[in-house]
Amino acid sequence: MKSRDKSGQALVELALSLTLLLLLVFGLFEFGRAMYVLNTLNYAAREGARIASVSNPLDRGNVTNRVLEILPLSLQPGAVIAITPVAPQLGAPVKVTVRTSFSTILPELLPMLAGITSLGAEASMRYE
């Protein structure tokens, strides 16, 4: 066989391997982005619970502002912050829950991640 007969073979191999490589790279990118968002939400919920546990009386506005300060601007519009209970007793836990919407950048390419529509975190600390 002549080498020009094999020129199409290299192109087909490149197309197949490049598709798998790009799928892997974009999958890792999306997974890393989801982990970043989840880690940020965990930190914001912990910080909100810390602020809520030491404020007497419970200042919901201060807790909400502190959580929003921690969240990046891209996550703030869809963020839902819940503080429970409404009137905590001394020694009882106070819980801060932070949820935000999440969508993949390429849902058609990564359909297994397209089902994730929101991420959330919660933290609780003893009310002092």
Protein backbone atom coordinates (compact mmCIF):
# COMPACT_ATOMS: atom_id res chain seq x y z
CA MET A 1 0.00 0.00 0.00
CA LYS A 2 1.10 3.49 -0.68
CA SER A 3 1.18 6.14 2.07
CA ARG A 4 -1.45 8.26 0.36
CA ASP A 5 -3.94 5.43 0.79
CA LYS A 6 -3.57 5.82 4.58
CA SER A 7 -4.03 9.59 4.67
CA GLY A 8 -7.75 9.33 5.46
CA GLN A 9 -7.08 6.86 8.26
CA ALA A 10 -5.18 9.43 10.33
CA LEU A 11 -7.99 11.95 9.91
CA VAL A 12 -10.62 9.45 11.10
CA GLU A 13 -8.47 8.46 14.10
CA LEU A 14 -7.96 12.12 14.98
CA ALA A 15 -11.71 12.82 14.77
CA LEU A 16 -12.56 9.88 17.04
CA SER A 17 -9.85 10.50 19.62
CA LEU A 18 -10.36 14.28 19.65
CA THR A 19 -14.08 13.82 20.34
CA LEU A 20 -13.36 11.64 23.36
CA LEU A 21 -10.62 13.97 24.58
CA LEU A 22 -12.84 17.06 24.32
CA LEU A 23 -15.67 15.25 26.11
CA LEU A 24 -13.28 14.38 28.93
CA VAL A 25 -11.87 17.92 29.15
CA PHE A 26 -15.30 19.58 29.19
CA GLY A 27 -16.56 17.03 31.71
CA LEU A 28 -13.65 17.79 34.04
CA PHE A 29 -14.20 21.51 33.58
CA GLU A 30 -17.90 21.27 34.46
CA PHE A 31 -17.22 18.99 37.43
CA GLY A 32 -14.61 21.46 38.72
CA ARG A 33 -17.02 24.36 38.28
CA ALA A 34 -19.74 22.50 40.17
CA MET A 35 -17.31 21.69 43.00
CA TYR A 36 -16.24 25.35 43.16
CA VAL A 37 -19.86 26.50 43.45
CA LEU A 38 -20.60 23.86 46.10
CA ASN A 39 -17.50 24.79 48.11
CA THR A 40 -18.41 28.49 47.95
CA LEU A 41 -21.96 27.73 49.11
CA ASN A 42 -20.61 25.66 52.01
CA TYR A 43 -18.32 28.48 53.09
CA ALA A 44 -21.12 31.05 52.82
CA ALA A 45 -23.52 28.88 54.85
CA ARG A 46 -20.89 28.30 57.55
CA GLU A 47 -20.09 32.00 57.76
CA GLY A 48 -23.80 32.85 57.91
CA ALA A 49 -24.34 30.30 60.70
CA ARG A 50 -21.39 31.75 62.62
CA ILE A 51 -22.78 35.27 62.36
CA ALA A 52 -26.28 34.06 63.29
CA SER A 53 -25.06 32.08 66.30
CA VAL A 54 -23.43 35.08 68.00
CA SER A 55 -25.94 37.84 67.18
CA ASN A 56 -28.37 38.48 69.99
CA PRO A 57 -31.11 39.16 68.96
CA LEU A 58 -30.86 37.33 65.64
CA ASP A 59 -30.18 39.89 62.90
CA ARG A 60 -31.38 38.24 59.70
CA GLY A 61 -30.35 41.19 57.52
CA ASN A 62 -26.76 41.02 58.75
CA VAL A 63 -26.61 37.26 58.14
CA THR A 64 -28.07 37.61 54.63
CA ASN A 65 -25.68 40.44 53.74
CA ARG A 66 -22.68 38.46 54.94
CA VAL A 67 -23.70 35.41 52.90
CA LEU A 68 -24.22 37.56 49.80
CA GLU A 69 -20.81 39.21 50.32
CA ILE A 70 -19.15 35.80 50.10
CA LEU A 71 -21.03 34.61 47.02
CA PRO A 72 -19.63 35.66 43.64
CA LEU A 73 -21.74 38.10 41.63
CA SER A 74 -22.76 35.34 39.20
CA LEU A 75 -24.43 33.35 42.02
CA GLN A 76 -26.12 36.22 43.89
CA PRO A 77 -29.24 36.74 41.72
CA GLY A 78 -30.49 33.16 42.13
CA ALA A 79 -29.42 32.69 45.74
CA VAL A 80 -32.04 31.67 48.30
CA ILE A 81 -31.01 32.06 51.95
CA ALA A 82 -33.05 30.47 54.73
CA ILE A 83 -32.41 30.93 58.45
CA THR A 84 -34.23 28.60 60.87
CA PRO A 85 -35.70 28.73 63.43
CA VAL A 86 -37.34 32.15 63.32
CA ALA A 87 -36.71 32.85 67.01
CA PRO A 88 -33.91 30.57 68.27
CA GLN A 89 -33.56 29.74 71.95
CA LEU A 90 -30.21 29.94 73.72
CA GLY A 91 -28.32 26.68 73.26
CA ALA A 92 -30.53 25.51 70.38
CA PRO A 93 -29.06 25.15 66.89
CA VAL A 94 -29.58 27.84 64.29
CA LYS A 95 -29.36 26.64 60.69
CA VAL A 96 -28.47 28.64 57.58
CA THR A 97 -29.29 27.13 54.19
CA VAL A 98 -28.02 28.61 50.92
CA ARG A 99 -29.30 27.39 47.54
CA THR A 100 -28.61 28.69 44.06
CA SER A 101 -29.47 27.66 40.52
CA PHE A 102 -26.81 25.83 38.54
CA SER A 103 -26.69 24.86 34.90
CA THR A 104 -23.98 23.36 32.78
CA ILE A 105 -22.42 25.41 30.05
CA LEU A 106 -22.84 22.69 27.43
CA PRO A 107 -25.91 20.62 28.41
CA GLU A 108 -26.17 19.01 24.96
CA LEU A 109 -22.58 17.76 25.15
CA LEU A 110 -22.85 16.54 28.76
CA PRO A 111 -26.41 15.27 29.25
CA MET A 112 -25.48 13.48 32.48
CA LEU A 113 -24.87 16.87 34.13
CA ALA A 114 -27.92 18.55 32.61
CA GLY A 115 -30.15 17.13 35.37
CA ILE A 116 -28.42 19.23 38.01
CA THR A 117 -30.49 22.40 38.24
CA SER A 118 -29.52 23.71 41.67
CA LEU A 119 -26.87 23.30 44.33
CA GLY A 120 -27.14 24.01 48.02
CA ALA A 121 -25.41 23.84 51.36
CA GLU A 122 -26.41 24.20 54.97
CA ALA A 123 -24.63 24.76 58.25
CA SER A 124 -25.84 24.88 61.80
CA MET A 125 -24.29 26.20 64.98
CA ARG A 126 -25.46 26.53 68.55
CA TYR A 127 -27.16 29.85 69.29
CA GLU A 128 -25.29 31.64 72.05
